[in-house]
Amino acid sequence: TTEDWSYYATGGLGFTYMEIGRASCR
């Protein structure tokens, strides 16, 4: 994943936001 590489390659703190609701609307 993006942050798998970015954190271990650069030390920058990477996050995945799983946003926009708990249901599957759009």
PDB file of all heavy atoms in Angstrom:
ATOM      1  N   THR A   1       0.830  -1.201   0.000  1.00  0.00           N
ATOM      2  CA  THR A   1       0.000   0.000   0.000  1.00  0.00           C
ATOM      3  C   THR A   1       0.868   1.257   0.000  1.00  0.00           C
ATOM      4  O   THR A   1       2.077   1.203   0.202  1.00  0.00           O
ATOM      5  CB  THR A   1      -0.931   0.031   1.217  1.00  0.00           C
ATOM      6  OG1 THR A   1      -0.134   0.164   2.405  1.00  0.00           O
ATOM      7  CG2 THR A   1      -1.769  -1.228   1.305  1.00  0.00           C
ATOM      8  N   THR A   2       0.205   2.386  -0.200  1.00  0.00           N
ATOM      9  CA  THR A   2       0.929   3.661  -0.274  1.00  0.00           C
ATOM     10  C   THR A   2       1.784   3.893   0.955  1.00  0.00           C
ATOM     11  O   THR A   2       2.985   4.175   0.859  1.00  0.00           O
ATOM     12  CB  THR A   2      -0.068   4.821  -0.422  1.00  0.00           C
ATOM     13  OG1 THR A   2      -1.013   4.512  -1.440  1.00  0.00           O
ATOM     14  CG2 THR A   2       0.646   6.109  -0.752  1.00  0.00           C
ATOM     15  N   GLU A   3       1.163   3.779   2.122  1.00  0.00           N
ATOM     16  CA  GLU A   3       1.909   4.105   3.342  1.00  0.00           C
ATOM     17  C   GLU A   3       2.858   2.989   3.749  1.00  0.00           C
ATOM     18  O   GLU A   3       3.807   3.236   4.507  1.00  0.00           O
ATOM     19  CB  GLU A   3       0.976   4.475   4.488  1.00  0.00           C
ATOM     20  CG  GLU A   3       0.021   3.397   4.927  1.00  0.00           C
ATOM     21  CD  GLU A   3      -1.289   3.437   4.149  1.00  0.00           C
ATOM     22  OE1 GLU A   3      -1.276   3.858   2.987  1.00  0.00           O
ATOM     23  OE2 GLU A   3      -2.311   3.023   4.715  1.00  0.00           O
ATOM     24  N   ASP A   4       2.641   1.743   3.279  1.00  0.00           N
ATOM     25  CA  ASP A   4       3.652   0.700   3.489  1.00  0.00           C
ATOM     26  C   ASP A   4       4.999   1.171   2.955  1.00  0.00           C
ATOM     27  O   ASP A   4       6.039   1.004   3.600  1.00  0.00           O
ATOM     28  CB  ASP A   4       3.271  -0.588   2.738  1.00  0.00           C
ATOM     29  CG  ASP A   4       2.236  -1.425   3.467  1.00  0.00           C
ATOM     30  OD1 ASP A   4       2.051  -1.222   4.678  1.00  0.00           O
ATOM     31  OD2 ASP A   4       1.614  -2.282   2.821  1.00  0.00           O
ATOM     32  N   TRP A   5       4.957   1.740   1.747  1.00  0.00           N
ATOM     33  CA  TRP A   5       6.202   2.237   1.163  1.00  0.00           C
ATOM     34  C   TRP A   5       6.612   3.577   1.756  1.00  0.00           C
ATOM     35  O   TRP A   5       7.772   3.759   2.159  1.00  0.00           O
ATOM     36  CB  TRP A   5       6.064   2.374  -0.361  1.00  0.00           C
ATOM     37  CG  TRP A   5       7.229   3.105  -0.929  1.00  0.00           C
ATOM     38  CD1 TRP A   5       8.484   2.599  -1.151  1.00  0.00           C
ATOM     39  CD2 TRP A   5       7.284   4.490  -1.258  1.00  0.00           C
ATOM     40  NE1 TRP A   5       9.322   3.591  -1.613  1.00  0.00           N
ATOM     41  CE2 TRP A   5       8.611   4.766  -1.698  1.00  0.00           C
ATOM     42  CE3 TRP A   5       6.359   5.535  -1.241  1.00  0.00           C
ATOM     43  CZ2 TRP A   5       9.010   6.038  -2.104  1.00  0.00           C
ATOM     44  CZ3 TRP A   5       6.747   6.790  -1.652  1.00  0.00           C
ATOM     45  CH2 TRP A   5       8.065   7.036  -2.080  1.00  0.00           C
ATOM     46  N   SER A   6       5.694   4.526   1.815  1.00  0.00           N
ATOM     47  CA  SER A   6       6.084   5.892   2.166  1.00  0.00           C
ATOM     48  C   SER A   6       6.666   5.973   3.574  1.00  0.00           C
ATOM     49  O   SER A   6       7.658   6.678   3.801  1.00  0.00           O
ATOM     50  CB  SER A   6       4.893   6.851   2.026  1.00  0.00           C
ATOM     51  OG  SER A   6       3.876   6.566   2.971  1.00  0.00           O
ATOM     52  N   TYR A   7       6.086   5.269   4.523  1.00  0.00           N
ATOM     53  CA  TYR A   7       6.614   5.348   5.884  1.00  0.00           C
ATOM     54  C   TYR A   7       7.999   4.718   5.968  1.00  0.00           C
ATOM     55  O   TYR A   7       8.947   5.332   6.479  1.00  0.00           O
ATOM     56  CB  TYR A   7       5.682   4.665   6.886  1.00  0.00           C
ATOM     57  CG  TYR A   7       6.334   4.574   8.254  1.00  0.00           C
ATOM     58  CD1 TYR A   7       6.465   5.706   9.054  1.00  0.00           C
ATOM     59  CD2 TYR A   7       6.888   3.381   8.709  1.00  0.00           C
ATOM     60  CE1 TYR A   7       7.119   5.646  10.279  1.00  0.00           C
ATOM     61  CE2 TYR A   7       7.538   3.312   9.932  1.00  0.00           C
ATOM     62  CZ  TYR A   7       7.653   4.450  10.718  1.00  0.00           C
ATOM     63  OH  TYR A   7       8.317   4.388  11.922  1.00  0.00           O
ATOM     64  N   TYR A   8       8.143   3.498   5.462  1.00  0.00           N
ATOM     65  CA  TYR A   8       9.416   2.803   5.625  1.00  0.00           C
ATOM     66  C   TYR A   8      10.503   3.353   4.713  1.00  0.00           C
ATOM     67  O   TYR A   8      11.692   3.200   5.008  1.00  0.00           O
ATOM     68  CB  TYR A   8       9.224   1.302   5.418  1.00  0.00           C
ATOM     69  CG  TYR A   8       8.468   0.673   6.570  1.00  0.00           C
ATOM     70  CD1 TYR A   8       7.113   0.380   6.466  1.00  0.00           C
ATOM     71  CD2 TYR A   8       9.103   0.412   7.776  1.00  0.00           C
ATOM     72  CE1 TYR A   8       6.414  -0.168   7.524  1.00  0.00           C
ATOM     73  CE2 TYR A   8       8.415  -0.138   8.851  1.00  0.00           C
ATOM     74  CZ  TYR A   8       7.072  -0.422   8.719  1.00  0.00           C
ATOM     75  OH  TYR A   8       6.379  -0.955   9.784  1.00  0.00           O
ATOM     76  N   ALA A   9      10.129   4.023   3.626  1.00  0.00           N
ATOM     77  CA  ALA A   9      11.135   4.610   2.734  1.00  0.00           C
ATOM     78  C   ALA A   9      11.538   6.015   3.151  1.00  0.00           C
ATOM     79  O   ALA A   9      12.683   6.421   2.946  1.00  0.00           O
ATOM     80  CB  ALA A   9      10.612   4.630   1.296  1.00  0.00           C
ATOM     81  N   THR A  10      10.601   6.783   3.719  1.00  0.00           N
ATOM     82  CA  THR A  10      10.881   8.196   3.989  1.00  0.00           C
ATOM     83  C   THR A  10      10.712   8.599   5.438  1.00  0.00           C
ATOM     84  O   THR A  10      11.166   9.684   5.832  1.00  0.00           O
ATOM     85  CB  THR A  10       9.959   9.098   3.146  1.00  0.00           C
ATOM     86  OG1 THR A  10       8.625   9.054   3.679  1.00  0.00           O
ATOM     87  CG2 THR A  10       9.935   8.668   1.688  1.00  0.00           C
ATOM     88  N   GLY A  11      10.013   7.789   6.230  1.00  0.00           N
ATOM     89  CA  GLY A  11       9.769   8.153   7.625  1.00  0.00           C
ATOM     90  C   GLY A  11       8.570   9.057   7.829  1.00  0.00           C
ATOM     91  O   GLY A  11       8.191   9.349   8.967  1.00  0.00           O
ATOM     92  N   GLY A  12       7.950   9.526   6.739  1.00  0.00           N
ATOM     93  CA  GLY A  12       6.747  10.336   6.865  1.00  0.00           C
ATOM     94  C   GLY A  12       5.568   9.494   7.313  1.00  0.00           C
ATOM     95  O   GLY A  12       5.418   8.334   6.911  1.00  0.00           O
ATOM     96  N   LEU A  13       4.729  10.061   8.155  1.00  0.00           N
ATOM     97  CA  LEU A  13       3.602   9.309   8.699  1.00  0.00           C
ATOM     98  C   LEU A  13       2.458   9.288   7.691  1.00  0.00           C
ATOM     99  O   LEU A  13       1.854  10.320   7.408  1.00  0.00           O
ATOM    100  CB  LEU A  13       3.134   9.927  10.020  1.00  0.00           C
ATOM    101  CG  LEU A  13       4.196  10.024  11.124  1.00  0.00           C
ATOM    102  CD1 LEU A  13       3.581  10.604  12.395  1.00  0.00           C
ATOM    103  CD2 LEU A  13       4.837   8.677  11.407  1.00  0.00           C
ATOM    104  N   GLY A  14       2.168   8.114   7.157  1.00  0.00           N
ATOM    105  CA  GLY A  14       1.105   7.974   6.171  1.00  0.00           C
ATOM    106  C   GLY A  14      -0.120   7.311   6.768  1.00  0.00           C
ATOM    107  O   GLY A  14      -0.014   6.372   7.565  1.00  0.00           O
ATOM    108  N   PHE A  15      -1.293   7.807   6.390  1.00  0.00           N
ATOM    109  CA  PHE A  15      -2.568   7.272   6.879  1.00  0.00           C
ATOM    110  C   PHE A  15      -3.494   6.979   5.705  1.00  0.00           C
ATOM    111  O   PHE A  15      -3.473   7.680   4.692  1.00  0.00           O
ATOM    112  CB  PHE A  15      -3.264   8.270   7.808  1.00  0.00           C
ATOM    113  CG  PHE A  15      -2.521   8.562   9.079  1.00  0.00           C
ATOM    114  CD1 PHE A  15      -1.547   9.554   9.124  1.00  0.00           C
ATOM    115  CD2 PHE A  15      -2.791   7.847  10.241  1.00  0.00           C
ATOM    116  CE1 PHE A  15      -0.860   9.840  10.295  1.00  0.00           C
ATOM    117  CE2 PHE A  15      -2.108   8.120  11.417  1.00  0.00           C
ATOM    118  CZ  PHE A  15      -1.140   9.117  11.447  1.00  0.00           C
ATOM    119  N   THR A  16      -4.309   5.954   5.881  1.00  0.00           N
ATOM    120  CA  THR A  16      -5.427   5.713   4.971  1.00  0.00           C
ATOM    121  C   THR A  16      -6.702   6.148   5.670  1.00  0.00           C
ATOM    122  O   THR A  16      -6.990   5.685   6.779  1.00  0.00           O
ATOM    123  CB  THR A  16      -5.533   4.227   4.590  1.00  0.00           C
ATOM    124  OG1 THR A  16      -4.431   3.877   3.750  1.00  0.00           O
ATOM    125  CG2 THR A  16      -6.816   3.950   3.821  1.00  0.00           C
ATOM    126  N   TYR A  17      -7.424   7.038   5.029  1.00  0.00           N
ATOM    127  CA  TYR A  17      -8.747   7.434   5.520  1.00  0.00           C
ATOM    128  C   TYR A  17      -9.791   6.616   4.762  1.00  0.00           C
ATOM    129  O   TYR A  17      -9.865   6.679   3.537  1.00  0.00           O
ATOM    130  CB  TYR A  17      -8.996   8.922   5.258  1.00  0.00           C
ATOM    131  CG  TYR A  17      -8.786   9.818   6.450  1.00  0.00           C
ATOM    132  CD1 TYR A  17      -7.554   9.870   7.085  1.00  0.00           C
ATOM    133  CD2 TYR A  17      -9.810  10.606   6.937  1.00  0.00           C
ATOM    134  CE1 TYR A  17      -7.345  10.698   8.167  1.00  0.00           C
ATOM    135  CE2 TYR A  17      -9.624  11.445   8.029  1.00  0.00           C
ATOM    136  CZ  TYR A  17      -8.386  11.484   8.639  1.00  0.00           C
ATOM    137  OH  TYR A  17      -8.191  12.310   9.713  1.00  0.00           O
ATOM    138  N   MET A  18     -10.588   5.866   5.520  1.00  0.00           N
ATOM    139  CA  MET A  18     -11.703   5.119   4.938  1.00  0.00           C
ATOM    140  C   MET A  18     -12.951   5.932   5.253  1.00  0.00           C
ATOM    141  O   MET A  18     -13.625   5.705   6.256  1.00  0.00           O
ATOM    142  CB  MET A  18     -11.788   3.730   5.551  1.00  0.00           C
ATOM    143  CG  MET A  18     -10.457   3.004   5.584  1.00  0.00           C
ATOM    144  SD  MET A  18      -9.875   2.529   3.965  1.00  0.00           S
ATOM    145  CE  MET A  18     -11.089   1.327   3.539  1.00  0.00           C
ATOM    146  N   GLU A  19     -13.248   6.896   4.385  1.00  0.00           N
ATOM    147  CA  GLU A  19     -14.186   7.936   4.756  1.00  0.00           C
ATOM    148  C   GLU A  19     -15.557   7.747   4.132  1.00  0.00           C
ATOM    149  O   GLU A  19     -15.826   6.806   3.418  1.00  0.00           O
ATOM    150  CB  GLU A  19     -13.636   9.302   4.359  1.00  0.00           C
ATOM    151  CG  GLU A  19     -13.720   9.641   2.888  1.00  0.00           C
ATOM    152  CD  GLU A  19     -12.805   8.809   2.011  1.00  0.00           C
ATOM    153  OE1 GLU A  19     -12.005   8.040   2.540  1.00  0.00           O
ATOM    154  OE2 GLU A  19     -12.912   8.912   0.808  1.00  0.00           O
ATOM    155  N   ILE A  20     -16.419   8.715   4.398  1.00  0.00           N
ATOM    156  CA  ILE A  20     -17.730   8.882   3.763  1.00  0.00           C
ATOM    157  C   ILE A  20     -18.693   7.778   4.174  1.00  0.00           C
ATOM    158  O   ILE A  20     -19.219   7.044   3.358  1.00  0.00           O
ATOM    159  CB  ILE A  20     -17.641   8.952   2.224  1.00  0.00           C
ATOM    160  CG1 ILE A  20     -16.448   9.778   1.772  1.00  0.00           C
ATOM    161  CG2 ILE A  20     -18.909   9.541   1.647  1.00  0.00           C
ATOM    162  CD1 ILE A  20     -16.463  11.216   2.241  1.00  0.00           C
ATOM    163  N   GLY A  21     -18.921   7.651   5.451  1.00  0.00           N
ATOM    164  CA  GLY A  21     -20.053   6.865   5.916  1.00  0.00           C
ATOM    165  C   GLY A  21     -19.752   5.426   6.246  1.00  0.00           C
ATOM    166  O   GLY A  21     -18.819   4.826   5.744  1.00  0.00           O
ATOM    167  N   ARG A  22     -20.577   4.873   7.115  1.00  0.00           N
ATOM    168  CA  ARG A  22     -20.441   3.471   7.493  1.00  0.00           C
ATOM    169  C   ARG A  22     -21.253   2.557   6.592  1.00  0.00           C
ATOM    170  O   ARG A  22     -21.051   1.361   6.565  1.00  0.00           O
ATOM    171  CB  ARG A  22     -20.896   3.268   8.951  1.00  0.00           C
ATOM    172  CG  ARG A  22     -19.993   3.976   9.939  1.00  0.00           C
ATOM    173  CD  ARG A  22     -20.354   3.633  11.367  1.00  0.00           C
ATOM    174  NE  ARG A  22     -19.499   4.331  12.311  1.00  0.00           N
ATOM    175  CZ  ARG A  22     -18.306   3.919  12.696  1.00  0.00           C
ATOM    176  NH1 ARG A  22     -17.813   2.814  12.209  1.00  0.00           N
ATOM    177  NH2 ARG A  22     -17.599   4.625  13.554  1.00  0.00           N
ATOM    178  N   ALA A  23     -22.214   3.112   5.875  1.00  0.00           N
ATOM    179  CA  ALA A  23     -23.001   2.314   4.938  1.00  0.00           C
ATOM    180  C   ALA A  23     -22.435   2.486   3.546  1.00  0.00           C
ATOM    181  O   ALA A  23     -21.547   3.282   3.305  1.00  0.00           O
ATOM    182  CB  ALA A  23     -24.470   2.760   4.978  1.00  0.00           C
ATOM    183  N   SER A  24     -22.976   1.712   2.594  1.00  0.00           N
ATOM    184  CA  SER A  24     -22.385   1.677   1.263  1.00  0.00           C
ATOM    185  C   SER A  24     -23.027   2.672   0.322  1.00  0.00           C
ATOM    186  O   SER A  24     -23.024   2.496  -0.886  1.00  0.00           O
ATOM    187  CB  SER A  24     -22.528   0.266   0.677  1.00  0.00           C
ATOM    188  OG  SER A  24     -23.902  -0.093   0.567  1.00  0.00           O
ATOM    189  N   CYS A  25     -23.604   3.775   0.844  1.00  0.00           N
ATOM    190  CA  CYS A  25     -24.232   4.755  -0.025  1.00  0.00           C
ATOM    191  C   CYS A  25     -23.178   5.534  -0.786  1.00  0.00           C
ATOM    192  O   CYS A  25     -22.419   6.285  -0.217  1.00  0.00           O
ATOM    193  CB  CYS A  25     -25.136   5.682   0.779  1.00  0.00           C
ATOM    194  SG  CYS A  25     -24.322   6.628   2.054  1.00  0.00           S
ATOM    195  N   ARG A  26     -23.112   5.289  -2.052  1.00  0.00           N
ATOM    196  CA  ARG A  26     -22.206   6.006  -2.945  1.00  0.00           C
ATOM    197  C   ARG A  26     -20.749   5.843  -2.532  1.00  0.00           C
ATOM    198  O   ARG A  26     -19.916   6.691  -2.819  1.00  0.00           O
ATOM    199  CB  ARG A  26     -22.550   7.484  -2.973  1.00  0.00           C
ATOM    200  CG  ARG A  26     -23.328   7.891  -4.199  1.00  0.00           C
ATOM    201  CD  ARG A  26     -22.623   7.458  -5.423  1.00  0.00           C
ATOM    202  NE  ARG A  26     -23.433   7.770  -6.603  1.00  0.00           N
ATOM    203  CZ  ARG A  26     -23.345   7.074  -7.714  1.00  0.00           C
ATOM    204  NH1 ARG A  26     -22.578   6.026  -7.780  1.00  0.00           N
ATOM    205  NH2 ARG A  26     -24.042   7.420  -8.760  1.00  0.00           N
TER     206      ARG A  26
END
